[in-house]
Amino acid sequence: MASTPVEGAAAHAPTASEYIVHHLGHLSTHHQEKIVDFSIINMDTVFWSVAMGVVGCFIMWLAARRATAGVPGRLQAFVEMVVEMVEDQSKAIVHGDRRFIAPLALTVFVWVALMNSLDFLPVDLFSGLFRMIGIDIHHRVVPTADLNGTLGIALGVLALMIYYSLKIKGVGGWIHELFAAPFGIYMAPFNFLLNLIEYAAKTVSLGMRLFGNMYAGELLFLLIALLGSMATAFGFVGHVIAGSIWAIFHILIVILQAFIFMMLTLVYIGQAHEGH
């Protein structure tokens, strides 16, 4: 007996594991076969990171252009609130010239918050759009759920830590601190190793913390989407209830992770202003 179209579609439907693996794949330059391969570029991560950077700059520009001395509008009030919050935190943490550091912290907060917010888009949105035009490719929207993206930002913070250490202490002072702190010059080899480990630990933990939280949130959204695929009333109701609850809770995670990343950036740069 010939199978019906419904049975044929069901036979070709992906399993739960295949569905999750497909949605966790990246649009890359080529297939990754090794654990570490710097020749691979995740183009979706690069595109959405740059796109959110442009959106963030546009929002700040728009708020600055529409700023008035009278009663502020909603956008101006919101931006002023964020700027004041960042300024207060930078003033409390960084003791020194903050002309560049406060705008840096603001940029980090807005950029990371926007990238995190992409997690609110429906998980099947882009795969469905691609299928409509006959394309079947991997595509992940959330750049902060990609370890390459978060570690890339963390490496930028590491570069700023070293830059401000050199700027404040000078080349000689920074090198002396590497070998003399915290146990004295007579423990130079041990001090140097300890300081290298400290730099590496700060960079890795900064990137891994953001990645872990956003990756877990993305995975949970996929599991909730699978719940909605169950052809039962329980599956549909459970999908709506669980999806709504997690989306509301995830708003806090999105903002909190952006705030934590900004605070750690300020802390690390603030430490670069101080000597052991």
C-alpha atoms as a PDB file:
ATOM      1  CA  MET A   1       0.000   0.000   0.000  1.00  0.00           C
ATOM      2  CA  ALA A   2       1.366   3.427  -0.950  1.00  0.00           C
ATOM      3  CA  SER A   3       2.070   5.822   1.906  1.00  0.00           C
ATOM      4  CA  THR A   4       0.029   8.994   2.249  1.00  0.00           C
ATOM      5  CA  PRO A   5       1.653  12.450   2.017  1.00  0.00           C
ATOM      6  CA  VAL A   6       1.248  12.832   5.797  1.00  0.00           C
ATOM      7  CA  GLU A   7       2.993   9.521   6.468  1.00  0.00           C
ATOM      8  CA  GLY A   8       5.771  10.466   4.034  1.00  0.00           C
ATOM      9  CA  ALA A   9       6.306  13.806   5.738  1.00  0.00           C
ATOM     10  CA  ALA A  10       6.369  12.107   9.129  1.00  0.00           C
ATOM     11  CA  ALA A  11       8.946   9.625   7.890  1.00  0.00           C
ATOM     12  CA  HIS A  12      11.241  12.427   6.770  1.00  0.00           C
ATOM     13  CA  ALA A  13      10.684  14.565   9.870  1.00  0.00           C
ATOM     14  CA  PRO A  14      13.868  15.018  11.923  1.00  0.00           C
ATOM     15  CA  THR A  15      14.201  13.365  15.285  1.00  0.00           C
ATOM     16  CA  ALA A  16      14.592  15.476  18.428  1.00  0.00           C
ATOM     17  CA  SER A  17      18.374  15.085  18.424  1.00  0.00           C
ATOM     18  CA  GLU A  18      18.609  15.874  14.691  1.00  0.00           C
ATOM     19  CA  TYR A  19      16.451  18.979  15.194  1.00  0.00           C
ATOM     20  CA  ILE A  20      18.668  20.294  18.007  1.00  0.00           C
ATOM     21  CA  VAL A  21      21.929  19.470  16.219  1.00  0.00           C
ATOM     22  CA  HIS A  22      20.718  21.243  13.064  1.00  0.00           C
ATOM     23  CA  HIS A  23      19.759  24.383  15.002  1.00  0.00           C
ATOM     24  CA  LEU A  24      23.044  24.418  16.885  1.00  0.00           C
ATOM     25  CA  GLY A  25      25.082  24.291  13.670  1.00  0.00           C
ATOM     26  CA  HIS A  26      26.810  27.374  12.273  1.00  0.00           C
ATOM     27  CA  LEU A  27      26.978  28.819   8.785  1.00  0.00           C
ATOM     28  CA  SER A  28      30.739  28.316   8.486  1.00  0.00           C
ATOM     29  CA  THR A  29      33.309  28.625   5.745  1.00  0.00           C
ATOM     30  CA  HIS A  30      33.889  24.878   5.926  1.00  0.00           C
ATOM     31  CA  HIS A  31      33.134  21.888   8.134  1.00  0.00           C
ATOM     32  CA  GLN A  32      34.995  21.737  11.433  1.00  0.00           C
ATOM     33  CA  GLU A  33      36.838  18.448  11.959  1.00  0.00           C
ATOM     34  CA  LYS A  34      39.218  19.441  14.749  1.00  0.00           C
ATOM     35  CA  ILE A  35      38.486  20.832  18.198  1.00  0.00           C
ATOM     36  CA  VAL A  36      40.506  23.968  17.436  1.00  0.00           C
ATOM     37  CA  ASP A  37      40.631  25.254  13.861  1.00  0.00           C
ATOM     38  CA  PHE A  38      41.338  28.962  13.377  1.00  0.00           C
ATOM     39  CA  SER A  39      40.794  28.708   9.624  1.00  0.00           C
ATOM     40  CA  ILE A  40      37.024  28.397  10.140  1.00  0.00           C
ATOM     41  CA  ILE A  41      34.877  31.525  10.245  1.00  0.00           C
ATOM     42  CA  ASN A  42      31.321  31.315  11.569  1.00  0.00           C
ATOM     43  CA  MET A  43      29.759  33.806   9.194  1.00  0.00           C
ATOM     44  CA  ASP A  44      26.449  33.977  11.060  1.00  0.00           C
ATOM     45  CA  THR A  45      28.233  34.993  14.274  1.00  0.00           C
ATOM     46  CA  VAL A  46      30.265  37.639  12.439  1.00  0.00           C
ATOM     47  CA  PHE A  47      27.207  39.008  10.611  1.00  0.00           C
ATOM     48  CA  TRP A  48      24.946  39.317  13.653  1.00  0.00           C
ATOM     49  CA  SER A  49      27.740  40.698  15.845  1.00  0.00           C
ATOM     50  CA  VAL A  50      28.437  43.468  13.330  1.00  0.00           C
ATOM     51  CA  ALA A  51      24.722  44.033  12.732  1.00  0.00           C
ATOM     52  CA  MET A  52      24.014  44.500  16.457  1.00  0.00           C
ATOM     53  CA  GLY A  53      27.006  46.814  16.732  1.00  0.00           C
ATOM     54  CA  VAL A  54      25.558  48.965  13.955  1.00  0.00           C
ATOM     55  CA  VAL A  55      22.092  48.884  15.558  1.00  0.00           C
ATOM     56  CA  GLY A  56      23.567  49.883  18.921  1.00  0.00           C
ATOM     57  CA  CYS A  57      25.478  52.794  17.391  1.00  0.00           C
ATOM     58  CA  PHE A  58      22.343  53.908  15.526  1.00  0.00           C
ATOM     59  CA  ILE A  59      20.225  53.849  18.694  1.00  0.00           C
ATOM     60  CA  MET A  60      22.767  55.913  20.622  1.00  0.00           C
ATOM     61  CA  TRP A  61      23.144  58.331  17.700  1.00  0.00           C
ATOM     62  CA  LEU A  62      19.387  58.692  17.396  1.00  0.00           C
ATOM     63  CA  ALA A  63      19.032  59.369  21.119  1.00  0.00           C
ATOM     64  CA  ALA A  64      21.811  61.979  20.996  1.00  0.00           C
ATOM     65  CA  ARG A  65      20.266  63.655  17.946  1.00  0.00           C
ATOM     66  CA  ARG A  66      16.834  63.878  19.539  1.00  0.00           C
ATOM     67  CA  ALA A  67      18.115  64.960  22.958  1.00  0.00           C
ATOM     68  CA  THR A  68      16.472  68.053  24.345  1.00  0.00           C
ATOM     69  CA  ALA A  69      17.068  70.191  27.420  1.00  0.00           C
ATOM     70  CA  GLY A  70      13.401  70.053  28.334  1.00  0.00           C
ATOM     71  CA  VAL A  71      11.259  67.037  29.146  1.00  0.00           C
ATOM     72  CA  PRO A  72      13.024  64.021  27.623  1.00  0.00           C
ATOM     73  CA  GLY A  73      11.263  61.517  25.427  1.00  0.00           C
ATOM     74  CA  ARG A  74      11.128  57.819  26.229  1.00  0.00           C
ATOM     75  CA  LEU A  75      14.230  56.923  24.220  1.00  0.00           C
ATOM     76  CA  GLN A  76      16.239  59.806  25.661  1.00  0.00           C
ATOM     77  CA  ALA A  77      15.127  58.972  29.203  1.00  0.00           C
ATOM     78  CA  PHE A  78      16.056  55.319  28.763  1.00  0.00           C
ATOM     79  CA  VAL A  79      19.475  56.109  27.268  1.00  0.00           C
ATOM     80  CA  GLU A  80      20.185  58.707  29.968  1.00  0.00           C
ATOM     81  CA  MET A  81      19.321  56.121  32.621  1.00  0.00           C
ATOM     82  CA  VAL A  82      21.720  53.580  31.091  1.00  0.00           C
ATOM     83  CA  VAL A  83      24.474  56.183  30.668  1.00  0.00           C
ATOM     84  CA  GLU A  84      24.089  57.329  34.278  1.00  0.00           C
ATOM     85  CA  MET A  85      24.222  53.734  35.518  1.00  0.00           C
ATOM     86  CA  VAL A  86      27.389  53.009  33.547  1.00  0.00           C
ATOM     87  CA  GLU A  87      28.991  56.298  34.630  1.00  0.00           C
ATOM     88  CA  ASP A  88      28.300  55.546  38.306  1.00  0.00           C
ATOM     89  CA  GLN A  89      29.790  52.053  38.029  1.00  0.00           C
ATOM     90  CA  SER A  90      32.888  53.243  36.169  1.00  0.00           C
ATOM     91  CA  LYS A  91      33.412  56.041  38.712  1.00  0.00           C
ATOM     92  CA  ALA A  92      33.255  53.557  41.592  1.00  0.00           C
ATOM     93  CA  ILE A  93      35.580  50.985  40.026  1.00  0.00           C
ATOM     94  CA  VAL A  94      38.116  52.850  37.877  1.00  0.00           C
ATOM     95  CA  HIS A  95      40.161  55.507  39.634  1.00  0.00           C
ATOM     96  CA  GLY A  96      41.778  57.585  36.942  1.00  0.00           C
ATOM     97  CA  ASP A  97      41.037  59.036  33.535  1.00  0.00           C
ATOM     98  CA  ARG A  98      37.632  57.661  32.481  1.00  0.00           C
ATOM     99  CA  ARG A  99      37.108  59.670  29.299  1.00  0.00           C
ATOM    100  CA  PHE A 100      37.437  56.511  27.203  1.00  0.00           C
ATOM    101  CA  ILE A 101      36.571  53.850  29.790  1.00  0.00           C
ATOM    102  CA  ALA A 102      33.002  55.002  30.547  1.00  0.00           C
ATOM    103  CA  PRO A 103      32.000  55.100  26.830  1.00  0.00           C
ATOM    104  CA  LEU A 104      33.730  51.731  26.417  1.00  0.00           C
ATOM    105  CA  ALA A 105      31.651  50.229  29.224  1.00  0.00           C
ATOM    106  CA  LEU A 106      28.486  51.722  27.713  1.00  0.00           C
ATOM    107  CA  THR A 107      29.359  50.261  24.309  1.00  0.00           C
ATOM    108  CA  VAL A 108      30.025  46.831  25.821  1.00  0.00           C
ATOM    109  CA  PHE A 109      26.738  46.838  27.755  1.00  0.00           C
ATOM    110  CA  VAL A 110      24.564  47.943  24.831  1.00  0.00           C
ATOM    111  CA  TRP A 111      26.313  45.653  22.326  1.00  0.00           C
ATOM    112  CA  VAL A 112      26.170  42.529  24.487  1.00  0.00           C
ATOM    113  CA  ALA A 113      22.560  43.239  25.504  1.00  0.00           C
ATOM    114  CA  LEU A 114      21.507  43.544  21.856  1.00  0.00           C
ATOM    115  CA  MET A 115      23.317  40.348  20.870  1.00  0.00           C
ATOM    116  CA  ASN A 116      21.727  38.509  23.795  1.00  0.00           C
ATOM    117  CA  SER A 117      18.286  39.858  22.828  1.00  0.00           C
ATOM    118  CA  LEU A 118      18.438  37.987  19.518  1.00  0.00           C
ATOM    119  CA  ASP A 119      17.626  34.891  21.565  1.00  0.00           C
ATOM    120  CA  PHE A 120      14.004  36.090  21.714  1.00  0.00           C
ATOM    121  CA  LEU A 121      13.542  35.498  17.981  1.00  0.00           C
ATOM    122  CA  PRO A 122      11.624  32.286  17.196  1.00  0.00           C
ATOM    123  CA  VAL A 123      14.079  29.376  16.936  1.00  0.00           C
ATOM    124  CA  ASP A 124      12.644  28.247  13.586  1.00  0.00           C
ATOM    125  CA  LEU A 125      12.343  31.726  12.058  1.00  0.00           C
ATOM    126  CA  PHE A 126      15.363  31.728   9.764  1.00  0.00           C
ATOM    127  CA  SER A 127      15.334  28.003   8.999  1.00  0.00           C
ATOM    128  CA  GLY A 128      11.721  28.419   7.884  1.00  0.00           C
ATOM    129  CA  LEU A 129      12.580  31.450   5.736  1.00  0.00           C
ATOM    130  CA  PHE A 130      15.484  29.605   4.125  1.00  0.00           C
ATOM    131  CA  ARG A 131      13.316  26.570   3.384  1.00  0.00           C
ATOM    132  CA  MET A 132      10.775  28.836   1.672  1.00  0.00           C
ATOM    133  CA  ILE A 133      13.418  29.803  -0.889  1.00  0.00           C
ATOM    134  CA  GLY A 134      14.744  26.256  -1.196  1.00  0.00           C
ATOM    135  CA  ILE A 135      17.879  26.608   0.956  1.00  0.00           C
ATOM    136  CA  ASP A 136      18.786  24.189   3.742  1.00  0.00           C
ATOM    137  CA  ILE A 137      21.715  25.609   5.712  1.00  0.00           C
ATOM    138  CA  HIS A 138      22.793  25.885   9.311  1.00  0.00           C
ATOM    139  CA  HIS A 139      22.263  29.330  10.808  1.00  0.00           C
ATOM    140  CA  ARG A 140      22.545  30.481  14.417  1.00  0.00           C
ATOM    141  CA  VAL A 141      21.410  33.973  15.262  1.00  0.00           C
ATOM    142  CA  VAL A 142      22.772  34.553  18.784  1.00  0.00           C
ATOM    143  CA  PRO A 143      26.482  35.515  18.593  1.00  0.00           C
ATOM    144  CA  THR A 144      26.944  35.246  22.367  1.00  0.00           C
ATOM    145  CA  ALA A 145      25.845  31.598  22.258  1.00  0.00           C
ATOM    146  CA  ASP A 146      28.955  30.923  20.143  1.00  0.00           C
ATOM    147  CA  LEU A 147      32.157  30.462  22.156  1.00  0.00           C
ATOM    148  CA  ASN A 148      34.136  32.024  19.310  1.00  0.00           C
ATOM    149  CA  GLY A 149      32.143  35.234  19.653  1.00  0.00           C
ATOM    150  CA  THR A 150      32.385  35.581  23.435  1.00  0.00           C
ATOM    151  CA  LEU A 151      36.067  34.676  23.553  1.00  0.00           C
ATOM    152  CA  GLY A 152      36.689  37.179  20.762  1.00  0.00           C
ATOM    153  CA  ILE A 153      35.184  39.952  22.909  1.00  0.00           C
ATOM    154  CA  ALA A 154      37.123  38.678  25.925  1.00  0.00           C
ATOM    155  CA  LEU A 155      40.368  38.868  23.935  1.00  0.00           C
ATOM    156  CA  GLY A 156      39.520  42.485  23.158  1.00  0.00           C
ATOM    157  CA  VAL A 157      39.161  43.137  26.900  1.00  0.00           C
ATOM    158  CA  LEU A 158      42.529  41.407  27.467  1.00  0.00           C
ATOM    159  CA  ALA A 159      44.134  43.737  24.922  1.00  0.00           C
ATOM    160  CA  LEU A 160      42.653  46.732  26.776  1.00  0.00           C
ATOM    161  CA  MET A 161      43.937  45.388  30.106  1.00  0.00           C
ATOM    162  CA  ILE A 162      47.456  45.183  28.727  1.00  0.00           C
ATOM    163  CA  TYR A 163      47.137  48.564  27.009  1.00  0.00           C
ATOM    164  CA  TYR A 164      46.105  50.353  30.203  1.00  0.00           C
ATOM    165  CA  SER A 165      48.765  48.524  32.222  1.00  0.00           C
ATOM    166  CA  LEU A 166      51.378  49.838  29.796  1.00  0.00           C
ATOM    167  CA  LYS A 167      49.812  53.309  29.701  1.00  0.00           C
ATOM    168  CA  ILE A 168      49.572  53.741  33.478  1.00  0.00           C
ATOM    169  CA  LYS A 169      52.723  51.916  34.615  1.00  0.00           C
ATOM    170  CA  GLY A 170      54.939  52.179  31.565  1.00  0.00           C
ATOM    171  CA  VAL A 171      56.678  49.289  29.845  1.00  0.00           C
ATOM    172  CA  GLY A 172      59.284  48.943  32.597  1.00  0.00           C
ATOM    173  CA  GLY A 173      56.725  49.137  35.385  1.00  0.00           C
ATOM    174  CA  TRP A 174      54.470  46.543  33.775  1.00  0.00           C
ATOM    175  CA  ILE A 175      57.325  44.103  33.147  1.00  0.00           C
ATOM    176  CA  HIS A 176      58.568  44.631  36.713  1.00  0.00           C
ATOM    177  CA  GLU A 177      55.071  43.881  38.030  1.00  0.00           C
ATOM    178  CA  LEU A 178      54.905  40.708  35.939  1.00  0.00           C
ATOM    179  CA  PHE A 179      58.052  39.363  37.577  1.00  0.00           C
ATOM    180  CA  ALA A 180      57.952  40.966  41.040  1.00  0.00           C
ATOM    181  CA  ALA A 181      54.270  40.769  42.044  1.00  0.00           C
ATOM    182  CA  PRO A 182      52.945  39.436  44.267  1.00  0.00           C
ATOM    183  CA  PHE A 183      55.795  37.618  46.097  1.00  0.00           C
ATOM    184  CA  GLY A 184      58.823  39.782  45.334  1.00  0.00           C
ATOM    185  CA  ILE A 185      61.538  39.770  42.707  1.00  0.00           C
ATOM    186  CA  TYR A 186      63.249  36.731  44.231  1.00  0.00           C
ATOM    187  CA  MET A 187      60.243  34.640  43.169  1.00  0.00           C
ATOM    188  CA  ALA A 188      60.358  36.050  39.627  1.00  0.00           C
ATOM    189  CA  PRO A 189      59.722  32.792  37.670  1.00  0.00           C
ATOM    190  CA  PHE A 190      56.823  31.829  39.910  1.00  0.00           C
ATOM    191  CA  ASN A 191      55.384  35.379  39.807  1.00  0.00           C
ATOM    192  CA  PHE A 192      55.608  35.486  36.006  1.00  0.00           C
ATOM    193  CA  LEU A 193      53.830  32.135  35.671  1.00  0.00           C
ATOM    194  CA  LEU A 194      51.160  33.183  38.160  1.00  0.00           C
ATOM    195  CA  ASN A 195      50.493  36.458  36.346  1.00  0.00           C
ATOM    196  CA  LEU A 196      50.234  34.703  32.981  1.00  0.00           C
ATOM    197  CA  ILE A 197      47.723  32.270  34.481  1.00  0.00           C
ATOM    198  CA  GLU A 198      45.788  35.217  35.930  1.00  0.00           C
ATOM    199  CA  TYR A 199      45.540  36.938  32.538  1.00  0.00           C
ATOM    200  CA  ALA A 200      44.462  33.677  30.879  1.00  0.00           C
ATOM    201  CA  ALA A 201      41.924  32.873  33.612  1.00  0.00           C
ATOM    202  CA  LYS A 202      40.330  36.326  33.399  1.00  0.00           C
ATOM    203  CA  THR A 203      40.011  36.088  29.619  1.00  0.00           C
ATOM    204  CA  VAL A 204      38.670  32.529  29.503  1.00  0.00           C
ATOM    205  CA  SER A 205      36.250  32.981  32.420  1.00  0.00           C
ATOM    206  CA  LEU A 206      34.913  36.237  30.929  1.00  0.00           C
ATOM    207  CA  GLY A 207      34.125  34.563  27.610  1.00  0.00           C
ATOM    208  CA  MET A 208      32.967  31.229  29.037  1.00  0.00           C
ATOM    209  CA  ARG A 209      30.549  32.776  31.546  1.00  0.00           C
ATOM    210  CA  LEU A 210      28.603  34.677  28.888  1.00  0.00           C
ATOM    211  CA  PHE A 211      28.719  31.774  26.432  1.00  0.00           C
ATOM    212  CA  GLY A 212      27.539  29.209  28.993  1.00  0.00           C
ATOM    213  CA  ASN A 213      24.507  31.200  30.076  1.00  0.00           C
ATOM    214  CA  MET A 214      23.392  32.134  26.565  1.00  0.00           C
ATOM    215  CA  TYR A 215      24.033  28.653  25.151  1.00  0.00           C
ATOM    216  CA  ALA A 216      21.955  27.094  27.926  1.00  0.00           C
ATOM    217  CA  GLY A 217      19.139  29.561  27.268  1.00  0.00           C
ATOM    218  CA  GLU A 218      19.212  28.821  23.542  1.00  0.00           C
ATOM    219  CA  LEU A 219      19.136  25.087  24.191  1.00  0.00           C
ATOM    220  CA  LEU A 220      16.168  25.437  26.518  1.00  0.00           C
ATOM    221  CA  PHE A 221      14.249  27.391  23.876  1.00  0.00           C
ATOM    222  CA  LEU A 222      14.896  24.511  21.451  1.00  0.00           C
ATOM    223  CA  LEU A 223      13.582  21.975  23.968  1.00  0.00           C
ATOM    224  CA  ILE A 224      10.458  24.086  24.486  1.00  0.00           C
ATOM    225  CA  ALA A 225       9.994  24.247  20.710  1.00  0.00           C
ATOM    226  CA  LEU A 226      10.163  20.438  20.602  1.00  0.00           C
ATOM    227  CA  LEU A 227       7.461  20.332  23.255  1.00  0.00           C
ATOM    228  CA  GLY A 228       5.252  22.385  20.950  1.00  0.00           C
ATOM    229  CA  SER A 229       5.803  19.891  18.121  1.00  0.00           C
ATOM    230  CA  MET A 230       3.952  17.201  20.081  1.00  0.00           C
ATOM    231  CA  ALA A 231       0.633  16.617  18.328  1.00  0.00           C
ATOM    232  CA  THR A 232      -1.319  16.747  21.588  1.00  0.00           C
ATOM    233  CA  ALA A 233      -3.178  19.384  23.554  1.00  0.00           C
ATOM    234  CA  PHE A 234      -0.651  18.943  26.375  1.00  0.00           C
ATOM    235  CA  GLY A 235       2.217  19.609  24.010  1.00  0.00           C
ATOM    236  CA  PHE A 236       0.667  22.827  22.658  1.00  0.00           C
ATOM    237  CA  VAL A 237      -0.395  24.155  26.073  1.00  0.00           C
ATOM    238  CA  GLY A 238       2.926  23.162  27.620  1.00  0.00           C
ATOM    239  CA  HIS A 239       4.769  24.892  24.795  1.00  0.00           C
ATOM    240  CA  VAL A 240       2.830  28.145  25.273  1.00  0.00           C
ATOM    241  CA  ILE A 241       3.109  28.170  29.064  1.00  0.00           C
ATOM    242  CA  ALA A 242       6.742  27.058  29.278  1.00  0.00           C
ATOM    243  CA  GLY A 243       7.780  29.331  26.415  1.00  0.00           C
ATOM    244  CA  SER A 244       6.099  32.374  27.969  1.00  0.00           C
ATOM    245  CA  ILE A 245       7.557  31.744  31.431  1.00  0.00           C
ATOM    246  CA  TRP A 246      11.060  31.142  30.109  1.00  0.00           C
ATOM    247  CA  ALA A 247      10.904  34.172  27.790  1.00  0.00           C
ATOM    248  CA  ILE A 248       9.956  36.444  30.716  1.00  0.00           C
ATOM    249  CA  PHE A 249      12.707  34.980  32.901  1.00  0.00           C
ATOM    250  CA  HIS A 250      15.158  35.163  30.017  1.00  0.00           C
ATOM    251  CA  ILE A 251      14.683  38.940  29.819  1.00  0.00           C
ATOM    252  CA  LEU A 252      16.397  39.136  33.200  1.00  0.00           C
ATOM    253  CA  ILE A 253      19.182  36.826  32.024  1.00  0.00           C
ATOM    254  CA  VAL A 254      19.797  38.864  28.869  1.00  0.00           C
ATOM    255  CA  ILE A 255      20.155  42.138  30.797  1.00  0.00           C
ATOM    256  CA  LEU A 256      21.982  40.560  33.741  1.00  0.00           C
ATOM    257  CA  GLN A 257      24.620  38.889  31.570  1.00  0.00           C
ATOM    258  CA  ALA A 258      25.261  42.131  29.704  1.00  0.00           C
ATOM    259  CA  PHE A 259      25.604  43.949  33.036  1.00  0.00           C
ATOM    260  CA  ILE A 260      27.959  41.305  34.462  1.00  0.00           C
ATOM    261  CA  PHE A 261      30.121  41.386  31.341  1.00  0.00           C
ATOM    262  CA  MET A 262      30.316  45.188  31.543  1.00  0.00           C
ATOM    263  CA  MET A 263      31.137  45.102  35.272  1.00  0.00           C
ATOM    264  CA  LEU A 264      33.903  42.535  34.833  1.00  0.00           C
ATOM    265  CA  THR A 265      35.347  44.599  31.988  1.00  0.00           C
ATOM    266  CA  LEU A 266      35.436  47.620  34.300  1.00  0.00           C
ATOM    267  CA  VAL A 267      36.934  45.574  37.132  1.00  0.00           C
ATOM    268  CA  TYR A 268      39.711  44.162  34.962  1.00  0.00           C
ATOM    269  CA  ILE A 269      40.552  47.558  33.456  1.00  0.00           C
ATOM    270  CA  GLY A 270      40.376  49.088  36.932  1.00  0.00           C
ATOM    271  CA  GLN A 271      42.894  46.526  38.171  1.00  0.00           C
ATOM    272  CA  ALA A 272      45.196  47.560  35.321  1.00  0.00           C
ATOM    273  CA  HIS A 273      45.228  51.066  36.849  1.00  0.00           C
ATOM    274  CA  GLU A 274      46.416  49.730  40.180  1.00  0.00           C
ATOM    275  CA  GLY A 275      49.640  48.091  41.276  1.00  0.00           C
ATOM    276  CA  HIS A 276      49.998  45.008  43.412  1.00  0.00           C
END
